[in-house]
């Protein structure tokens, strides 16, 4: 049984906002070269959904990333917000653009032949909390009066 829940999201600067009916079982990691280049990352976390399940409160701009697909993004801050085939009924939204992305887990890898294996299991790496970077925190406090979330 599909369980959807209303989730909101948007870009870093707040210019683009959306609300979507999200089924978290549709979360996955895409490793294709187009997504790597579009995001500057080794993969991107997506959740698939019908285009009819997303309402753009303040619309994104769209980049035609290939002859068959386009990607919503914020032209002000550059945040990548998703992926959609031109002729499809479904699309993907970026997990990182959700207001509350915590607890969502990927259910598969797509374009697995392009996985950067050393970036998959990072559980053994040293962890440095933001709160321990005193100089960075002070820069934020000096500029804005607070440390970002």
Protein backbone atom coordinates (compact mmCIF):
# COMPACT_ATOMS: atom_id res chain seq x y z
CA UNK A 1 0.00 0.00 0.00
CA UNK A 2 1.32 3.42 -0.97
CA UNK A 3 1.39 5.92 1.88
CA UNK A 4 1.85 9.51 0.83
CA UNK A 5 2.38 12.47 3.09
CA UNK A 6 2.34 16.18 2.36
CA UNK A 7 5.83 17.62 2.52
CA UNK A 8 7.07 21.09 1.70
CA UNK A 9 10.37 22.16 0.27
CA UNK A 10 12.23 24.77 -1.69
CA UNK A 11 15.53 26.29 -2.56
CA UNK A 12 18.26 27.66 -0.31
CA UNK A 13 17.29 31.32 -0.70
CA UNK A 14 13.53 30.75 -0.37
CA UNK A 15 12.56 32.11 -3.79
CA UNK A 16 11.18 28.73 -4.93
CA UNK A 17 8.71 26.83 -2.74
CA UNK A 18 6.63 23.71 -3.30
CA UNK A 19 4.34 21.25 -1.55
CA UNK A 20 4.23 17.64 -2.69
CA UNK A 21 2.53 14.39 -1.83
CA UNK A 22 5.55 12.20 -1.09
CA UNK A 23 5.79 8.41 -0.93
CA UNK A 24 9.12 7.88 0.83
CA UNK A 25 9.40 4.35 -0.59
CA UNK A 26 10.22 6.06 -3.91
CA UNK A 27 13.49 7.56 -2.62
CA UNK A 28 16.65 6.52 -4.44
CA UNK A 29 20.18 7.60 -5.33
CA UNK A 30 21.01 8.43 -8.94
CA UNK A 31 24.65 8.04 -9.97
CA UNK A 32 24.39 8.87 -13.70
CA UNK A 33 26.95 11.28 -15.13
CA UNK A 34 24.26 13.82 -16.04
CA UNK A 35 23.13 14.04 -12.39
CA UNK A 36 26.73 14.14 -11.19
CA UNK A 37 27.43 17.09 -13.48
CA UNK A 38 24.09 18.82 -12.80
CA UNK A 39 24.70 18.79 -9.05
CA UNK A 40 28.48 18.73 -8.77
CA UNK A 41 28.12 15.69 -6.50
CA UNK A 42 28.96 12.00 -6.78
CA UNK A 43 25.23 11.16 -6.70
CA UNK A 44 21.91 12.81 -5.98
CA UNK A 45 19.09 11.75 -3.68
CA UNK A 46 15.70 11.83 -5.41
CA UNK A 47 12.12 10.89 -4.63
CA UNK A 48 9.92 9.98 -7.58
CA UNK A 49 6.33 11.20 -7.78
CA UNK A 50 3.61 11.99 -10.31
CA UNK A 51 3.90 15.55 -11.65
CA UNK A 52 0.31 16.03 -10.49
CA UNK A 53 1.43 15.48 -6.86
CA UNK A 54 3.54 18.65 -6.70
CA UNK A 55 2.29 22.20 -6.46
CA UNK A 56 4.81 24.96 -7.07
CA UNK A 57 3.95 27.88 -4.79
CA UNK A 58 6.61 30.03 -6.39
CA UNK A 59 7.82 28.43 -9.52
CA UNK A 60 11.27 27.22 -10.42
CA UNK A 61 13.09 27.89 -13.62
CA UNK A 62 13.65 24.86 -15.85
CA UNK A 63 16.89 23.85 -17.53
CA UNK A 64 16.70 21.59 -20.59
CA UNK A 65 19.51 19.29 -19.52
CA UNK A 66 19.15 17.02 -22.57
CA UNK A 67 16.86 16.61 -25.59
CA UNK A 68 14.59 14.36 -23.48
CA UNK A 69 14.55 15.93 -20.01
CA UNK A 70 14.58 19.10 -17.96
CA UNK A 71 15.52 20.03 -14.41
CA UNK A 72 13.80 22.53 -12.10
CA UNK A 73 16.14 24.85 -10.24
CA UNK A 74 16.27 28.26 -8.61
CA UNK A 75 17.83 30.84 -10.90
CA UNK A 76 18.57 33.08 -7.93
CA UNK A 77 20.60 30.69 -5.73
CA UNK A 78 21.18 27.72 -8.06
CA UNK A 79 19.57 25.00 -5.93
CA UNK A 80 18.80 21.87 -7.99
CA UNK A 81 15.21 20.83 -7.26
CA UNK A 82 14.53 17.79 -9.42
CA UNK A 83 14.37 16.03 -12.74
CA UNK A 84 11.59 15.36 -15.28
CA UNK A 85 11.37 13.71 -18.67
CA UNK A 86 9.72 16.06 -21.15
CA UNK A 87 7.02 13.54 -22.08
CA UNK A 88 6.53 11.69 -18.79
CA UNK A 89 3.82 11.88 -16.14
CA UNK A 90 6.32 11.48 -13.30
CA UNK A 91 9.23 13.50 -12.01
CA UNK A 92 11.76 13.49 -9.18
CA UNK A 93 12.34 16.03 -6.42
CA UNK A 94 15.64 16.35 -4.61
CA UNK A 95 15.55 15.00 -1.07
CA UNK A 96 17.83 17.83 0.07
CA UNK A 97 15.29 20.45 -1.04
CA UNK A 98 12.66 19.11 1.39
CA UNK A 99 12.18 21.15 4.55
CA UNK A 100 12.33 17.98 6.68
CA UNK A 101 14.41 15.39 4.79
CA UNK A 102 15.50 13.56 7.93
CA UNK A 103 14.63 9.89 8.24
CA UNK A 104 14.08 9.32 4.52
CA UNK A 105 16.12 6.36 3.30
CA UNK A 106 17.03 5.38 -0.26
CA UNK A 107 15.49 2.17 -1.62
CA UNK A 108 17.74 1.62 -4.65
CA UNK A 109 20.70 2.90 -6.67
CA UNK A 110 20.10 4.01 -10.26
CA UNK A 111 22.88 4.07 -12.89
CA UNK A 112 24.84 1.79 -10.58
CA UNK A 113 27.63 1.34 -13.13
CA UNK A 114 28.69 4.95 -12.36
CA UNK A 115 28.80 4.59 -8.56
CA UNK A 116 31.87 6.07 -6.89
CA UNK A 117 32.24 3.14 -4.48
CA UNK A 118 34.44 4.95 -1.97
CA UNK A 119 31.60 7.43 -1.34
CA UNK A 120 28.91 4.82 -0.64
CA UNK A 121 29.81 3.61 2.86
CA UNK A 122 31.29 6.53 4.76
CA UNK A 123 30.28 5.26 8.19
CA UNK A 124 33.91 4.77 9.22
CA UNK A 125 34.93 8.37 8.57
CA UNK A 126 35.67 10.78 11.38
CA UNK A 127 32.66 13.00 12.16
CA UNK A 128 33.14 16.68 12.93
CA UNK A 129 30.07 18.52 14.25
CA UNK A 130 29.50 22.06 13.00
CA UNK A 131 29.38 23.17 16.64
CA UNK A 132 33.07 22.28 17.00
CA UNK A 133 34.18 24.66 14.22
CA UNK A 134 34.48 27.77 16.37
CA UNK A 135 35.85 30.09 13.67
CA UNK A 136 33.06 29.24 11.22
CA UNK A 137 30.40 29.66 13.88
CA UNK A 138 31.83 33.05 14.81
CA UNK A 139 31.74 34.16 11.16
CA UNK A 140 28.03 33.33 11.04
CA UNK A 141 27.34 35.09 14.34
CA UNK A 142 29.24 38.20 13.22
CA UNK A 143 27.36 38.28 9.90
CA UNK A 144 23.85 37.29 10.96
CA UNK A 145 23.66 37.10 14.75
CA UNK A 146 23.13 33.34 14.73
CA UNK A 147 24.45 30.03 13.43
CA UNK A 148 22.36 28.46 10.62
CA UNK A 149 20.63 25.14 11.17
